[in-house]
Amino acid sequence: MRGRIAGWFEGASPSEFSRVIRVYYGPQSGHDLLERTTWHAAQHLRQLYALSERLDIKPPVPMPSEAFKGLPLPTALW
């Protein structure tokens, strides 16, 4: 999956990020859609780490909090 996404980014022209994409919550630019997808996945990752902590399960690696800098994440987990 990572290879497919990396390949898409390598071949994507700048216009891919500005074109309007229709999604279920309304039209979005390619850039806005990627940003929302990124922070949405990051939010679920935060939730999984919190859940694993509640269940006393230690994740194999620490949460990559540094990777979240600049993302418009909600303060609340749920």
N, C-alpha and C. Protein backbone atom coordinates (compact mmCIF):
# COMPACT_ATOMS: atom_id res chain seq x y z
N MET A 1 0.83 -1.18 0.00
CA MET A 1 0.00 0.00 0.00
C MET A 1 0.88 1.25 0.00
N ARG A 2 1.93 1.23 0.83
CA ARG A 2 2.83 2.39 0.88
C ARG A 2 3.44 2.65 -0.49
N GLY A 3 3.82 1.58 -1.19
CA GLY A 3 4.40 1.71 -2.52
C GLY A 3 3.42 2.34 -3.50
N ARG A 4 2.18 1.93 -3.44
CA ARG A 4 1.16 2.49 -4.33
C ARG A 4 0.96 3.97 -4.07
N ILE A 5 0.89 4.34 -2.80
CA ILE A 5 0.69 5.75 -2.46
C ILE A 5 1.92 6.56 -2.87
N ALA A 6 3.11 6.04 -2.57
CA ALA A 6 4.34 6.75 -2.94
C ALA A 6 4.41 6.93 -4.45
N GLY A 7 4.04 5.91 -5.20
CA GLY A 7 4.03 6.01 -6.66
C GLY A 7 3.06 7.05 -7.16
N TRP A 8 1.90 7.14 -6.50
CA TRP A 8 0.93 8.16 -6.91
C TRP A 8 1.50 9.55 -6.67
N PHE A 9 2.12 9.78 -5.51
CA PHE A 9 2.69 11.09 -5.21
C PHE A 9 3.79 11.46 -6.20
N GLU A 10 4.60 10.49 -6.58
CA GLU A 10 5.68 10.76 -7.53
C GLU A 10 5.15 11.19 -8.89
N GLY A 11 4.04 10.62 -9.30
CA GLY A 11 3.48 10.93 -10.62
C GLY A 11 2.44 12.02 -10.62
N ALA A 12 2.03 12.49 -9.45
CA ALA A 12 0.96 13.49 -9.37
C ALA A 12 1.48 14.87 -9.76
N SER A 13 0.72 15.54 -10.61
CA SER A 13 1.09 16.91 -10.98
C SER A 13 0.53 17.86 -9.92
N PRO A 14 1.05 19.08 -9.86
CA PRO A 14 0.53 20.05 -8.88
C PRO A 14 -0.98 20.28 -9.00
N SER A 15 -1.53 20.10 -10.19
CA SER A 15 -2.97 20.33 -10.37
C SER A 15 -3.80 19.28 -9.62
N GLU A 16 -3.22 18.13 -9.33
CA GLU A 16 -3.95 17.10 -8.57
C GLU A 16 -4.34 17.60 -7.19
N PHE A 17 -3.50 18.47 -6.61
CA PHE A 17 -3.75 18.94 -5.26
C PHE A 17 -4.74 20.09 -5.21
N SER A 18 -4.97 20.75 -6.34
CA SER A 18 -5.90 21.88 -6.34
C SER A 18 -7.24 21.53 -6.96
N ARG A 19 -7.32 20.41 -7.67
CA ARG A 19 -8.60 20.08 -8.30
C ARG A 19 -9.64 19.75 -7.23
N VAL A 20 -10.89 19.95 -7.57
CA VAL A 20 -11.99 19.72 -6.63
C VAL A 20 -12.43 18.27 -6.72
N ILE A 21 -12.55 17.65 -5.56
CA ILE A 21 -12.97 16.25 -5.46
C ILE A 21 -14.27 16.22 -4.68
N ARG A 22 -15.26 15.54 -5.22
CA ARG A 22 -16.54 15.42 -4.52
C ARG A 22 -16.47 14.27 -3.54
N VAL A 23 -16.67 14.58 -2.27
CA VAL A 23 -16.70 13.57 -1.22
C VAL A 23 -18.02 13.70 -0.47
N TYR A 24 -18.32 12.76 0.40
CA TYR A 24 -19.63 12.73 1.03
C TYR A 24 -19.94 13.96 1.88
N TYR A 25 -18.91 14.69 2.35
CA TYR A 25 -19.17 15.87 3.16
C TYR A 25 -19.01 17.17 2.37
N GLY A 26 -18.96 17.06 1.04
CA GLY A 26 -18.92 18.24 0.19
C GLY A 26 -17.66 18.30 -0.65
N PRO A 27 -17.63 19.20 -1.62
CA PRO A 27 -16.46 19.33 -2.50
C PRO A 27 -15.23 19.79 -1.72
N GLN A 28 -14.09 19.19 -2.01
CA GLN A 28 -12.83 19.51 -1.33
C GLN A 28 -11.71 19.59 -2.37
N SER A 29 -10.72 20.42 -2.10
CA SER A 29 -9.54 20.41 -2.97
C SER A 29 -8.74 19.14 -2.63
N GLY A 30 -7.93 18.71 -3.55
CA GLY A 30 -7.10 17.53 -3.30
C GLY A 30 -6.23 17.72 -2.07
N HIS A 31 -5.71 18.92 -1.89
CA HIS A 31 -4.88 19.22 -0.72
C HIS A 31 -5.68 19.07 0.57
N ASP A 32 -6.88 19.68 0.60
CA ASP A 32 -7.71 19.60 1.81
C ASP A 32 -8.13 18.16 2.11
N LEU A 33 -8.42 17.40 1.08
CA LEU A 33 -8.80 16.00 1.28
C LEU A 33 -7.64 15.20 1.87
N LEU A 34 -6.43 15.40 1.36
CA LEU A 34 -5.27 14.71 1.92
C LEU A 34 -5.00 15.13 3.36
N GLU A 35 -5.15 16.43 3.64
CA GLU A 35 -4.93 16.90 5.01
C GLU A 35 -5.94 16.27 5.96
N ARG A 36 -7.21 16.28 5.56
CA ARG A 36 -8.25 15.71 6.43
C ARG A 36 -8.01 14.22 6.63
N THR A 37 -7.66 13.51 5.57
CA THR A 37 -7.39 12.08 5.67
C THR A 37 -6.24 11.81 6.63
N THR A 38 -5.22 12.66 6.56
CA THR A 38 -4.05 12.50 7.43
C THR A 38 -4.40 12.71 8.88
N TRP A 39 -5.06 13.83 9.20
CA TRP A 39 -5.35 14.05 10.61
C TRP A 39 -6.41 13.10 11.13
N HIS A 40 -7.30 12.65 10.26
CA HIS A 40 -8.32 11.68 10.68
C HIS A 40 -7.66 10.36 11.07
N ALA A 41 -6.72 9.91 10.26
CA ALA A 41 -5.98 8.67 10.59
C ALA A 41 -5.17 8.86 11.86
N ALA A 42 -4.56 10.05 12.03
CA ALA A 42 -3.78 10.33 13.24
C ALA A 42 -4.67 10.29 14.48
N GLN A 43 -5.88 10.82 14.36
CA GLN A 43 -6.81 10.80 15.49
C GLN A 43 -7.15 9.36 15.88
N HIS A 44 -7.40 8.51 14.89
CA HIS A 44 -7.69 7.10 15.21
C HIS A 44 -6.48 6.41 15.81
N LEU A 45 -5.28 6.77 15.38
CA LEU A 45 -4.08 6.19 15.98
C LEU A 45 -3.98 6.60 17.45
N ARG A 46 -4.25 7.86 17.74
CA ARG A 46 -4.26 8.31 19.14
C ARG A 46 -5.28 7.51 19.96
N GLN A 47 -6.45 7.26 19.37
CA GLN A 47 -7.48 6.50 20.08
C GLN A 47 -7.03 5.06 20.34
N LEU A 48 -6.36 4.47 19.36
CA LEU A 48 -5.86 3.10 19.55
C LEU A 48 -4.81 3.02 20.65
N TYR A 49 -3.94 4.00 20.71
CA TYR A 49 -2.94 4.02 21.78
C TYR A 49 -3.60 4.18 23.14
N ALA A 50 -4.61 5.05 23.24
CA ALA A 50 -5.33 5.24 24.50
C ALA A 50 -6.06 3.96 24.91
N LEU A 51 -6.68 3.31 23.95
CA LEU A 51 -7.38 2.06 24.23
C LEU A 51 -6.41 0.97 24.68
N SER A 52 -5.28 0.86 24.02
CA SER A 52 -4.31 -0.16 24.41
C SER A 52 -3.80 0.11 25.83
N GLU A 53 -3.64 1.39 26.18
CA GLU A 53 -3.21 1.72 27.54
C GLU A 53 -4.26 1.28 28.55
N ARG A 54 -5.54 1.53 28.24
CA ARG A 54 -6.62 1.12 29.14
C ARG A 54 -6.67 -0.39 29.33
N LEU A 55 -6.31 -1.12 28.26
CA LEU A 55 -6.33 -2.58 28.32
C LEU A 55 -5.02 -3.16 28.81
N ASP A 56 -4.10 -2.29 29.22
CA ASP A 56 -2.79 -2.70 29.71
C ASP A 56 -1.97 -3.45 28.65
N ILE A 57 -2.09 -3.00 27.42
CA ILE A 57 -1.33 -3.58 26.31
C ILE A 57 -0.29 -2.56 25.89
N LYS A 58 0.96 -3.00 25.83
CA LYS A 58 2.03 -2.08 25.45
C LYS A 58 2.24 -2.13 23.93
N PRO A 59 2.06 -0.99 23.26
CA PRO A 59 2.29 -0.96 21.80
C PRO A 59 3.76 -1.27 21.49
N PRO A 60 4.03 -1.81 20.31
CA PRO A 60 5.41 -2.18 19.96
C PRO A 60 6.35 -0.98 19.85
N VAL A 61 5.82 0.20 19.53
CA VAL A 61 6.62 1.42 19.45
C VAL A 61 5.84 2.56 20.09
N PRO A 62 6.55 3.58 20.59
CA PRO A 62 5.84 4.73 21.18
C PRO A 62 5.02 5.46 20.12
N MET A 63 4.00 6.15 20.58
CA MET A 63 3.17 6.91 19.65
C MET A 63 4.03 8.00 19.00
N PRO A 64 3.93 8.14 17.69
CA PRO A 64 4.76 9.13 16.97
C PRO A 64 4.21 10.55 17.08
N SER A 65 4.14 11.08 18.29
CA SER A 65 3.53 12.39 18.53
C SER A 65 4.17 13.50 17.70
N GLU A 66 5.47 13.40 17.45
CA GLU A 66 6.16 14.42 16.65
C GLU A 66 5.56 14.53 15.25
N ALA A 67 5.08 13.42 14.72
CA ALA A 67 4.51 13.40 13.37
C ALA A 67 3.17 14.15 13.32
N PHE A 68 2.59 14.42 14.47
CA PHE A 68 1.29 15.09 14.51
C PHE A 68 1.39 16.60 14.51
N LYS A 69 2.61 17.14 14.64
CA LYS A 69 2.78 18.59 14.70
C LYS A 69 2.20 19.26 13.46
N GLY A 70 1.42 20.29 13.70
CA GLY A 70 0.83 21.04 12.60
C GLY A 70 -0.50 20.51 12.10
N LEU A 71 -0.90 19.33 12.58
CA LEU A 71 -2.20 18.78 12.16
C LEU A 71 -3.30 19.35 13.05
N PRO A 72 -4.45 19.67 12.48
CA PRO A 72 -5.54 20.24 13.28
C PRO A 72 -6.32 19.15 14.02
N LEU A 73 -5.63 18.47 14.94
CA LEU A 73 -6.28 17.40 15.70
C LEU A 73 -7.20 17.94 16.78
N PRO A 74 -8.31 17.26 17.01
CA PRO A 74 -9.18 17.67 18.13
C PRO A 74 -8.45 17.44 19.45
N THR A 75 -8.78 18.21 20.46
CA THR A 75 -8.16 18.02 21.77
C THR A 75 -8.67 16.73 22.41
N ALA A 76 -9.95 16.48 22.26
CA ALA A 76 -10.55 15.28 22.86
C ALA A 76 -10.25 14.05 22.00
N LEU A 77 -10.12 12.91 22.68
CA LEU A 77 -9.87 11.66 21.97
C LEU A 77 -11.15 11.06 21.38
N TRP A 78 -12.28 11.25 22.05
CA TRP A 78 -13.50 10.58 21.63
C TRP A 78 -14.57 11.55 21.26
